[in-house]
PDB file of N, CA and C in Angstrom:
ATOM      1  N   MET A   1      94.915 144.901 123.025  1.00  0.00           N
ATOM      2  CA  MET A   1      95.006 145.690 121.819  1.00  0.00           C
ATOM      3  C   MET A   1      94.162 146.950 121.989  1.00  0.00           C
ATOM      4  N   ALA A   2      94.698 148.043 121.530  1.00  0.00           N
ATOM      5  CA  ALA A   2      93.963 149.297 121.590  1.00  0.00           C
ATOM      6  C   ALA A   2      92.849 149.291 120.558  1.00  0.00           C
ATOM      7  N   SER A   3      91.838 150.065 120.823  1.00  0.00           N
ATOM      8  CA  SER A   3      90.708 150.095 119.907  1.00  0.00           C
ATOM      9  C   SER A   3      91.048 150.936 118.680  1.00  0.00           C
ATOM     10  N   LEU A   4      90.322 150.682 117.626  1.00  0.00           N
ATOM     11  CA  LEU A   4      90.488 151.451 116.402  1.00  0.00           C
ATOM     12  C   LEU A   4      90.160 152.916 116.659  1.00  0.00           C
ATOM     13  N   ARG A   5      89.168 153.140 117.476  1.00  0.00           N
ATOM     14  CA  ARG A   5      88.787 154.505 117.828  1.00  0.00           C
ATOM     15  C   ARG A   5      89.939 155.234 118.523  1.00  0.00           C
ATOM     16  N   GLY A   6      90.641 154.534 119.411  1.00  0.00           N
ATOM     17  CA  GLY A   6      91.774 155.126 120.118  1.00  0.00           C
ATOM     18  C   GLY A   6      92.923 155.462 119.180  1.00  0.00           C
ATOM     19  N   ILE A   7      93.168 154.593 118.223  1.00  0.00           N
ATOM     20  CA  ILE A   7      94.241 154.840 117.255  1.00  0.00           C
ATOM     21  C   ILE A   7      93.906 156.062 116.407  1.00  0.00           C
ATOM     22  N   LYS A   8      92.662 156.161 115.965  1.00  0.00           N
ATOM     23  CA  LYS A   8      92.250 157.312 115.167  1.00  0.00           C
ATOM     24  C   LYS A   8      92.352 158.607 115.977  1.00  0.00           C
ATOM     25  N   ARG A   9      91.997 158.540 117.247  1.00  0.00           N
ATOM     26  CA  ARG A   9      92.116 159.722 118.104  1.00  0.00           C
ATOM     27  C   ARG A   9      93.576 160.135 118.267  1.00  0.00           C
ATOM     28  N   ASP A  10      94.461 159.152 118.429  1.00  0.00           N
ATOM     29  CA  ASP A  10      95.891 159.457 118.531  1.00  0.00           C
ATOM     30  C   ASP A  10      96.401 160.129 117.261  1.00  0.00           C
ATOM     31  N   ILE A  11      95.984 159.613 116.119  1.00  0.00           N
ATOM     32  CA  ILE A  11      96.394 160.205 114.842  1.00  0.00           C
ATOM     33  C   ILE A  11      95.931 161.653 114.761  1.00  0.00           C
ATOM     34  N   ASP A  12      94.661 161.885 115.035  1.00  0.00           N
ATOM     35  CA  ASP A  12      94.112 163.243 114.964  1.00  0.00           C
ATOM     36  C   ASP A  12      94.780 164.174 115.971  1.00  0.00           C
ATOM     37  N   TYR A  13      94.998 163.680 117.185  1.00  0.00           N
ATOM     38  CA  TYR A  13      95.597 164.521 118.227  1.00  0.00           C
ATOM     39  C   TYR A  13      97.025 164.922 117.863  1.00  0.00           C
ATOM     40  N   LEU A  14      97.829 163.964 117.426  1.00  0.00           N
ATOM     41  CA  LEU A  14      99.231 164.255 117.127  1.00  0.00           C
ATOM     42  C   LEU A  14      99.376 165.158 115.905  1.00  0.00           C
ATOM     43  N   VAL A  15      98.587 164.906 114.887  1.00  0.00           N
ATOM     44  CA  VAL A  15      98.654 165.759 113.700  1.00  0.00           C
ATOM     45  C   VAL A  15      98.158 167.165 114.019  1.00  0.00           C
ATOM     46  N   SER A  16      97.131 167.280 114.826  1.00  0.00           N
ATOM     47  CA  SER A  16      96.649 168.615 115.190  1.00  0.00           C
ATOM     48  C   SER A  16      97.677 169.345 116.059  1.00  0.00           C
ATOM     49  N   ALA A  17      98.467 168.626 116.830  1.00  0.00           N
ATOM     50  CA  ALA A  17      99.536 169.259 117.611  1.00  0.00           C
ATOM     51  C   ALA A  17     100.600 169.831 116.681  1.00  0.00           C
ATOM     52  N   VAL A  18     100.938 169.086 115.634  1.00  0.00           N
ATOM     53  CA  VAL A  18     101.915 169.585 114.658  1.00  0.00           C
ATOM     54  C   VAL A  18     101.369 170.829 113.961  1.00  0.00           C
ATOM     55  N   ILE A  19     100.128 170.775 113.527  1.00  0.00           N
ATOM     56  CA  ILE A  19      99.533 171.904 112.805  1.00  0.00           C
ATOM     57  C   ILE A  19      99.416 173.125 113.715  1.00  0.00           C
ATOM     58  N   SER A  20      99.066 172.917 114.960  1.00  0.00           N
ATOM     59  CA  SER A  20      98.973 174.017 115.912  1.00  0.00           C
ATOM     60  C   SER A  20     100.332 174.698 116.096  1.00  0.00           C
ATOM     61  N   ASP A  21     101.377 173.902 116.230  1.00  0.00           N
ATOM     62  CA  ASP A  21     102.715 174.475 116.352  1.00  0.00           C
ATOM     63  C   ASP A  21     103.145 175.173 115.065  1.00  0.00           C
ATOM     64  N   CYS A  22     102.690 174.668 113.932  1.00  0.00           N
ATOM     65  CA  CYS A  22     102.994 175.323 112.657  1.00  0.00           C
ATOM     66  C   CYS A  22     102.374 176.713 112.613  1.00  0.00           C
ATOM     67  N   TYR A  23     101.126 176.828 113.046  1.00  0.00           N
ATOM     68  CA  TYR A  23     100.479 178.135 113.055  1.00  0.00           C
ATOM     69  C   TYR A  23     101.165 179.095 114.026  1.00  0.00           C
ATOM     70  N   THR A  24     101.641 178.576 115.137  1.00  0.00           N
ATOM     71  CA  THR A  24     102.382 179.411 116.081  1.00  0.00           C
ATOM     72  C   THR A  24     103.665 179.922 115.436  1.00  0.00           C
ATOM     73  N   CYS A  25     104.335 179.062 114.689  1.00  0.00           N
ATOM     74  CA  CYS A  25     105.562 179.467 113.995  1.00  0.00           C
ATOM     75  C   CYS A  25     105.272 180.524 112.942  1.00  0.00           C
ATOM     76  N   VAL A  26     104.159 180.371 112.231  1.00  0.00           N
ATOM     77  CA  VAL A  26     103.791 181.362 111.213  1.00  0.00           C
ATOM     78  C   VAL A  26     103.538 182.718 111.854  1.00  0.00           C
ATOM     79  N   ILE A  27     102.898 182.726 112.999  1.00  0.00           N
ATOM     80  CA  ILE A  27     102.616 183.985 113.689  1.00  0.00           C
ATOM     81  C   ILE A  27     103.912 184.649 114.150  1.00  0.00           C
ATOM     82  N   LEU A  28     104.840 183.849 114.650  1.00  0.00           N
ATOM     83  CA  LEU A  28     106.082 184.402 115.185  1.00  0.00           C
ATOM     84  C   LEU A  28     107.100 184.744 114.109  1.00  0.00           C
ATOM     85  N   LYS A  29     107.118 183.970 113.031  1.00  0.00           N
ATOM     86  CA  LYS A  29     108.109 184.187 111.968  1.00  0.00           C
ATOM     87  C   LYS A  29     107.391 184.259 110.624  1.00  0.00           C
ATOM     88  N   LYS A  30     107.018 185.426 110.230  1.00  0.00           N
ATOM     89  CA  LYS A  30     106.258 185.612 108.995  1.00  0.00           C
ATOM     90  C   LYS A  30     107.069 185.215 107.757  1.00  0.00           C
ATOM     91  N   GLU A  31     108.391 185.355 107.813  1.00  0.00           N
ATOM     92  CA  GLU A  31     109.215 185.087 106.632  1.00  0.00           C
ATOM     93  C   GLU A  31     109.304 183.598 106.280  1.00  0.00           C
ATOM     94  N   SER A  32     108.976 182.723 107.194  1.00  0.00           N
ATOM     95  CA  SER A  32     109.037 181.280 106.917  1.00  0.00           C
ATOM     96  C   SER A  32     107.657 180.695 106.636  1.00  0.00           C
ATOM     97  N   GLN A  33     106.705 181.526 106.261  1.00  0.00           N
ATOM     98  CA  GLN A  33     105.331 181.105 106.087  1.00  0.00           C
ATOM     99  C   GLN A  33     105.176 180.057 104.993  1.00  0.00           C
ATOM    100  N   ASP A  34     105.864 180.203 103.870  1.00  0.00           N
ATOM    101  CA  ASP A  34     105.709 179.251 102.769  1.00  0.00           C
ATOM    102  C   ASP A  34     106.177 177.850 103.156  1.00  0.00           C
ATOM    103  N   GLN A  35     107.298 177.767 103.851  1.00  0.00           N
ATOM    104  CA  GLN A  35     107.813 176.466 104.278  1.00  0.00           C
ATOM    105  C   GLN A  35     106.871 175.801 105.273  1.00  0.00           C
ATOM    106  N   VAL A  36     106.314 176.585 106.159  1.00  0.00           N
ATOM    107  CA  VAL A  36     105.398 176.044 107.173  1.00  0.00           C
ATOM    108  C   VAL A  36     104.106 175.558 106.523  1.00  0.00           C
ATOM    109  N   LEU A  37     103.619 176.286 105.532  1.00  0.00           N
ATOM    110  CA  LEU A  37     102.401 175.864 104.840  1.00  0.00           C
ATOM    111  C   LEU A  37     102.606 174.541 104.107  1.00  0.00           C
ATOM    112  N   VAL A  38     103.794 174.330 103.568  1.00  0.00           N
ATOM    113  CA  VAL A  38     104.118 173.046 102.936  1.00  0.00           C
ATOM    114  C   VAL A  38     104.100 171.938 103.990  1.00  0.00           C
ATOM    115  N   LEU A  39     104.641 172.213 105.168  1.00  0.00           N
ATOM    116  CA  LEU A  39     104.648 171.229 106.250  1.00  0.00           C
ATOM    117  C   LEU A  39     103.218 170.923 106.724  1.00  0.00           C
ATOM    118  N   ILE A  40     102.365 171.924 106.774  1.00  0.00           N
ATOM    119  CA  ILE A  40     100.965 171.700 107.153  1.00  0.00           C
ATOM    120  C   ILE A  40     100.292 170.794 106.129  1.00  0.00           C
ATOM    121  N   HIS A  41     100.549 171.050 104.861  1.00  0.00           N
ATOM    122  CA  HIS A  41      99.976 170.220 103.804  1.00  0.00           C
ATOM    123  C   HIS A  41     100.455 168.766 103.932  1.00  0.00           C
ATOM    124  N   GLU A  42     101.744 168.577 104.227  1.00  0.00           N
ATOM    125  CA  GLU A  42     102.285 167.226 104.439  1.00  0.00           C
ATOM    126  C   GLU A  42     101.605 166.550 105.629  1.00  0.00           C
ATOM    127  N   ALA A  43     101.373 167.302 106.693  1.00  0.00           N
ATOM    128  CA  ALA A  43     100.743 166.735 107.890  1.00  0.00           C
ATOM    129  C   ALA A  43      99.316 166.282 107.585  1.00  0.00           C
ATOM    130  N   ILE A  44      98.597 167.063 106.812  1.00  0.00           N
ATOM    131  CA  ILE A  44      97.226 166.694 106.467  1.00  0.00           C
ATOM    132  C   ILE A  44      97.205 165.455 105.583  1.00  0.00           C
ATOM    133  N   GLU A  45      98.124 165.396 104.619  1.00  0.00           N
ATOM    134  CA  GLU A  45      98.199 164.207 103.758  1.00  0.00           C
ATOM    135  C   GLU A  45      98.578 162.972 104.570  1.00  0.00           C
ATOM    136  N   MET A  46      99.512 163.142 105.515  1.00  0.00           N
ATOM    137  CA  MET A  46      99.923 162.026 106.356  1.00  0.00           C
ATOM    138  C   MET A  46      98.750 161.554 107.219  1.00  0.00           C
ATOM    139  N   ARG A  47      97.984 162.483 107.763  1.00  0.00           N
ATOM    140  CA  ARG A  47      96.823 162.125 108.584  1.00  0.00           C
ATOM    141  C   ARG A  47      95.824 161.318 107.783  1.00  0.00           C
ATOM    142  N   ASN A  48      95.525 161.768 106.576  1.00  0.00           N
ATOM    143  CA  ASN A  48      94.579 161.046 105.730  1.00  0.00           C
ATOM    144  C   ASN A  48      95.088 159.644 105.388  1.00  0.00           C
ATOM    145  N   SER A  49      96.375 159.532 105.131  1.00  0.00           N
ATOM    146  CA  SER A  49      96.977 158.234 104.820  1.00  0.00           C
ATOM    147  C   SER A  49      96.895 157.285 106.015  1.00  0.00           C
ATOM    148  N   PHE A  50      97.205 157.786 107.203  1.00  0.00           N
ATOM    149  CA  PHE A  50      97.172 156.939 108.393  1.00  0.00           C
ATOM    150  C   PHE A  50      95.743 156.520 108.748  1.00  0.00           C
ATOM    151  N   ILE A  51      94.791 157.422 108.595  1.00  0.00           N
ATOM    152  CA  ILE A  51      93.392 157.072 108.864  1.00  0.00           C
ATOM    153  C   ILE A  51      92.938 155.996 107.878  1.00  0.00           C
ATOM    154  N   ASP A  52      93.316 156.139 106.612  1.00  0.00           N
ATOM    155  CA  ASP A  52      92.945 155.147 105.609  1.00  0.00           C
ATOM    156  C   ASP A  52      93.566 153.791 105.932  1.00  0.00           C
ATOM    157  N   ARG A  53      94.835 153.791 106.331  1.00  0.00           N
ATOM    158  CA  ARG A  53      95.504 152.538 106.686  1.00  0.00           C
ATOM    159  C   ARG A  53      94.908 151.926 107.948  1.00  0.00           C
ATOM    160  N   ALA A  54      94.467 152.762 108.880  1.00  0.00           N
ATOM    161  CA  ALA A  54      93.847 152.246 110.101  1.00  0.00           C
ATOM    162  C   ALA A  54      92.501 151.602 109.790  1.00  0.00           C
ATOM    163  N   ASN A  55      91.783 152.158 108.837  1.00  0.00           N
ATOM    164  CA  ASN A  55      90.471 151.627 108.476  1.00  0.00           C
ATOM    165  C   ASN A  55      90.538 150.344 107.664  1.00  0.00           C
ATOM    166  N   HIS A  56      91.675 150.085 107.032  1.00  0.00           N
ATOM    167  CA  HIS A  56      91.780 148.934 106.141  1.00  0.00           C
ATOM    168  C   HIS A  56      93.007 148.085 106.459  1.00  0.00           C
ATOM    169  N   PRO A  57      92.974 147.302 107.532  1.00  0.00           N
ATOM    170  CA  PRO A  57      94.091 146.393 107.799  1.00  0.00           C
ATOM    171  C   PRO A  57      94.168 145.314 106.721  1.00  0.00           C
ATOM    172  N   ALA A  58      95.357 144.768 106.523  1.00  0.00           N
ATOM    173  CA  ALA A  58      95.587 143.822 105.431  1.00  0.00           C
ATOM    174  C   ALA A  58      94.747 142.552 105.572  1.00  0.00           C
ATOM    175  N   GLU A  59      94.792 141.933 106.716  1.00  0.00           N
ATOM    176  CA  GLU A  59      94.092 140.651 106.938  1.00  0.00           C
ATOM    177  C   GLU A  59      93.131 140.820 108.107  1.00  0.00           C
ATOM    178  N   LYS A  60      91.882 141.149 107.821  1.00  0.00           N
ATOM    179  CA  LYS A  60      90.907 141.466 108.864  1.00  0.00           C
ATOM    180  C   LYS A  60      90.556 140.279 109.757  1.00  0.00           C
ATOM    181  N   HIS A  61      90.622 139.083 109.234  1.00  0.00           N
ATOM    182  CA  HIS A  61      90.131 137.922 109.969  1.00  0.00           C
ATOM    183  C   HIS A  61      91.191 137.259 110.849  1.00  0.00           C
ATOM    184  N   ASN A  62      92.440 137.629 110.677  1.00  0.00           N
ATOM    185  CA  ASN A  62      93.517 137.073 111.482  1.00  0.00           C
ATOM    186  C   ASN A  62      93.874 138.097 112.567  1.00  0.00           C
ATOM    187  N   LYS A  63      93.472 137.834 113.794  1.00  0.00           N
ATOM    188  CA  LYS A  63      93.663 138.791 114.877  1.00  0.00           C
ATOM    189  C   LYS A  63      95.132 139.112 115.134  1.00  0.00           C
ATOM    190  N   HIS A  64      95.981 138.113 114.983  1.00  0.00           N
ATOM    191  CA  HIS A  64      97.411 138.331 115.214  1.00  0.00           C
ATOM    192  C   HIS A  64      97.971 139.324 114.200  1.00  0.00           C
ATOM    193  N   LEU A  65      97.604 139.187 112.941  1.00  0.00           N
ATOM    194  CA  LEU A  65      98.098 140.104 111.912  1.00  0.00           C
ATOM    195  C   LEU A  65      97.498 141.499 112.062  1.00  0.00           C
ATOM    196  N   VAL A  66      96.263 141.570 112.499  1.00  0.00           N
ATOM    197  CA  VAL A  66      95.636 142.878 112.723  1.00  0.00           C
ATOM    198  C   VAL A  66      96.344 143.600 113.861  1.00  0.00           C
ATOM    199  N   LYS A  67      96.627 142.893 114.926  1.00  0.00           N
ATOM    200  CA  LYS A  67      97.337 143.486 116.061  1.00  0.00           C
ATOM    201  C   LYS A  67      98.731 143.955 115.641  1.00  0.00           C
ATOM    202  N   LYS A  68      99.399 143.156 114.842  1.00  0.00           N
ATOM    203  CA  LYS A  68     100.726 143.508 114.338  1.00  0.00           C
ATOM    204  C   LYS A  68     100.639 144.746 113.430  1.00  0.00           C
ATOM    205  N   HIS A  69      99.602 144.799 112.607  1.00  0.00           N
ATOM    206  CA  HIS A  69      99.394 145.933 111.701  1.00  0.00           C
ATOM    207  C   HIS A  69      99.225 147.230 112.498  1.00  0.00           C
ATOM    208  N   TYR A  70      98.371 147.211 113.514  1.00  0.00           N
ATOM    209  CA  TYR A  70      98.120 148.417 114.296  1.00  0.00           C
ATOM    210  C   TYR A  70      99.335 148.811 115.139  1.00  0.00           C
ATOM    211  N   SER A  71     100.090 147.837 115.592  1.00  0.00           N
ATOM    212  CA  SER A  71     101.313 148.140 116.335  1.00  0.00           C
ATOM    213  C   SER A  71     102.336 148.832 115.434  1.00  0.00           C
ATOM    214  N   ALA A  72     102.499 148.313 114.227  1.00  0.00           N
ATOM    215  CA  ALA A  72     103.422 148.923 113.275  1.00  0.00           C
ATOM    216  C   ALA A  72     102.933 150.310 112.869  1.00  0.00           C
ATOM    217  N   LEU A  73     101.634 150.459 112.709  1.00  0.00           N
ATOM    218  CA  LEU A  73     101.048 151.749 112.336  1.00  0.00           C
ATOM    219  C   LEU A  73     101.317 152.791 113.413  1.00  0.00           C
ATOM    220  N   ARG A  74     101.115 152.404 114.655  1.00  0.00           N
ATOM    221  CA  ARG A  74     101.344 153.328 115.774  1.00  0.00           C
ATOM    222  C   ARG A  74     102.824 153.717 115.879  1.00  0.00           C
ATOM    223  N   THR A  75     103.713 152.757 115.688  1.00  0.00           N
ATOM    224  CA  THR A  75     105.153 153.041 115.729  1.00  0.00           C
ATOM    225  C   THR A  75     105.549 153.995 114.612  1.00  0.00           C
ATOM    226  N   GLU A  76     105.060 153.734 113.415  1.00  0.00           N
ATOM    227  CA  GLU A  76     105.370 154.604 112.282  1.00  0.00           C
ATOM    228  C   GLU A  76     104.792 156.003 112.492  1.00  0.00           C
ATOM    229  N   LEU A  77     103.624 156.084 113.092  1.00  0.00           N
ATOM    230  CA  LEU A  77     103.020 157.383 113.380  1.00  0.00           C
ATOM    231  C   LEU A  77     103.924 158.218 114.277  1.00  0.00           C
ATOM    232  N   PHE A  78     104.432 157.620 115.347  1.00  0.00           N
ATOM    233  CA  PHE A  78     105.294 158.363 116.258  1.00  0.00           C
ATOM    234  C   PHE A  78     106.575 158.809 115.583  1.00  0.00           C
ATOM    235  N   VAL A  79     107.133 157.986 114.716  1.00  0.00           N
ATOM    236  CA  VAL A  79     108.360 158.346 113.999  1.00  0.00           C
ATOM    237  C   VAL A  79     108.090 159.518 113.054  1.00  0.00           C
ATOM    238  N   LYS A  80     106.993 159.446 112.304  1.00  0.00           N
ATOM    239  CA  LYS A  80     106.660 160.511 111.345  1.00  0.00           C
ATOM    240  C   LYS A  80     106.349 161.830 112.054  1.00  0.00           C
ATOM    241  N   ILE A  81     105.638 161.760 113.161  1.00  0.00           N
ATOM    242  CA  ILE A  81     105.326 162.978 113.913  1.00  0.00           C
ATOM    243  C   ILE A  81     106.601 163.603 114.452  1.00  0.00           C
ATOM    244  N   ASP A  82     107.517 162.785 114.945  1.00  0.00           N
ATOM    245  CA  ASP A  82     108.792 163.290 115.434  1.00  0.00           C
ATOM    246  C   ASP A  82     109.574 163.968 114.312  1.00  0.00           C
ATOM    247  N   GLU A  83     109.559 163.368 113.126  1.00  0.00           N
ATOM    248  CA  GLU A  83     110.238 163.971 111.976  1.00  0.00           C
ATOM    249  C   GLU A  83     109.619 165.321 111.624  1.00  0.00           C
ATOM    250  N   MET A  84     108.314 165.411 111.695  1.00  0.00           N
ATOM    251  CA  MET A  84     107.648 166.681 111.390  1.00  0.00           C
ATOM    252  C   MET A  84     107.998 167.757 112.406  1.00  0.00           C
ATOM    253  N   PHE A  85     108.056 167.391 113.676  1.00  0.00           N
ATOM    254  CA  PHE A  85     108.456 168.367 114.687  1.00  0.00           C
ATOM    255  C   PHE A  85     109.902 168.807 114.479  1.00  0.00           C
ATOM    256  N   LEU A  86     110.767 167.897 114.059  1.00  0.00           N
ATOM    257  CA  LEU A  86     112.154 168.274 113.781  1.00  0.00           C
ATOM    258  C   LEU A  86     112.234 169.222 112.580  1.00  0.00           C
ATOM    259  N   LYS A  87     111.449 168.955 111.527  1.00  0.00           N
ATOM    260  CA  LYS A  87     111.407 169.864 110.377  1.00  0.00           C
ATOM    261  C   LYS A  87     110.929 171.248 110.801  1.00  0.00           C
ATOM    262  N   LEU A  88     109.886 171.282 111.611  1.00  0.00           N
ATOM    263  CA  LEU A  88     109.348 172.549 112.082  1.00  0.00           C
ATOM    264  C   LEU A  88     110.374 173.286 112.935  1.00  0.00           C
ATOM    265  N   SER A  89     111.088 172.570 113.739  1.00  0.00           N
ATOM    266  CA  SER A  89     112.136 173.161 114.560  1.00  0.00           C
ATOM    267  C   SER A  89     113.220 173.793 113.691  1.00  0.00           C
ATOM    268  N   ASP A  90     113.609 173.098 112.631  1.00  0.00           N
ATOM    269  CA  ASP A  90     114.622 173.633 111.713  1.00  0.00           C
ATOM    270  C   ASP A  90     114.107 174.886 110.998  1.00  0.00           C
ATOM    271  N   ILE A  91     112.850 174.872 110.617  1.00  0.00           N
ATOM    272  CA  ILE A  91     112.266 176.029 109.936  1.00  0.00           C
ATOM    273  C   ILE A  91     112.239 177.231 110.876  1.00  0.00           C
ATOM    274  N   CYS A  92     111.881 177.017 112.118  1.00  0.00           N
ATOM    275  CA  CYS A  92     111.757 178.114 113.076  1.00  0.00           C
ATOM    276  C   CYS A  92     113.095 178.652 113.520  1.00  0.00           C
ATOM    277  N   LYS A  93     114.138 177.843 113.432  1.00  0.00           N
ATOM    278  CA  LYS A  93     115.475 178.325 113.820  1.00  0.00           C
ATOM    279  C   LYS A  93     116.014 179.357 112.845  1.00  0.00           C
ATOM    280  N   ASN A  94     115.678 179.179 111.578  1.00  0.00           N
ATOM    281  CA  ASN A  94     116.225 180.074 110.541  1.00  0.00           C
ATOM    282  C   ASN A  94     115.692 181.440 110.634  1.00  0.00           C
TER     283      ASN A  94
END
């Protein structure tokens, strides 16, 4: 099982990658700035939600359920980050 510290680092790294690409899009396409700022706000809220969920697993004393919780959390993180990159891609195409 990966450490809690590693999961938190993954969350921070992936969300910061989305935000960094958002700022690049804002620099390149000034007309889509409002949409990108909304996406940045969503990314920050998602990061806070994932960190909170990582800090508070449902059943702390059952190792099997904790491992399952973190596995599901990591899977959901990758799906949400992919969705954010797709949204950003759509915004930048316009």
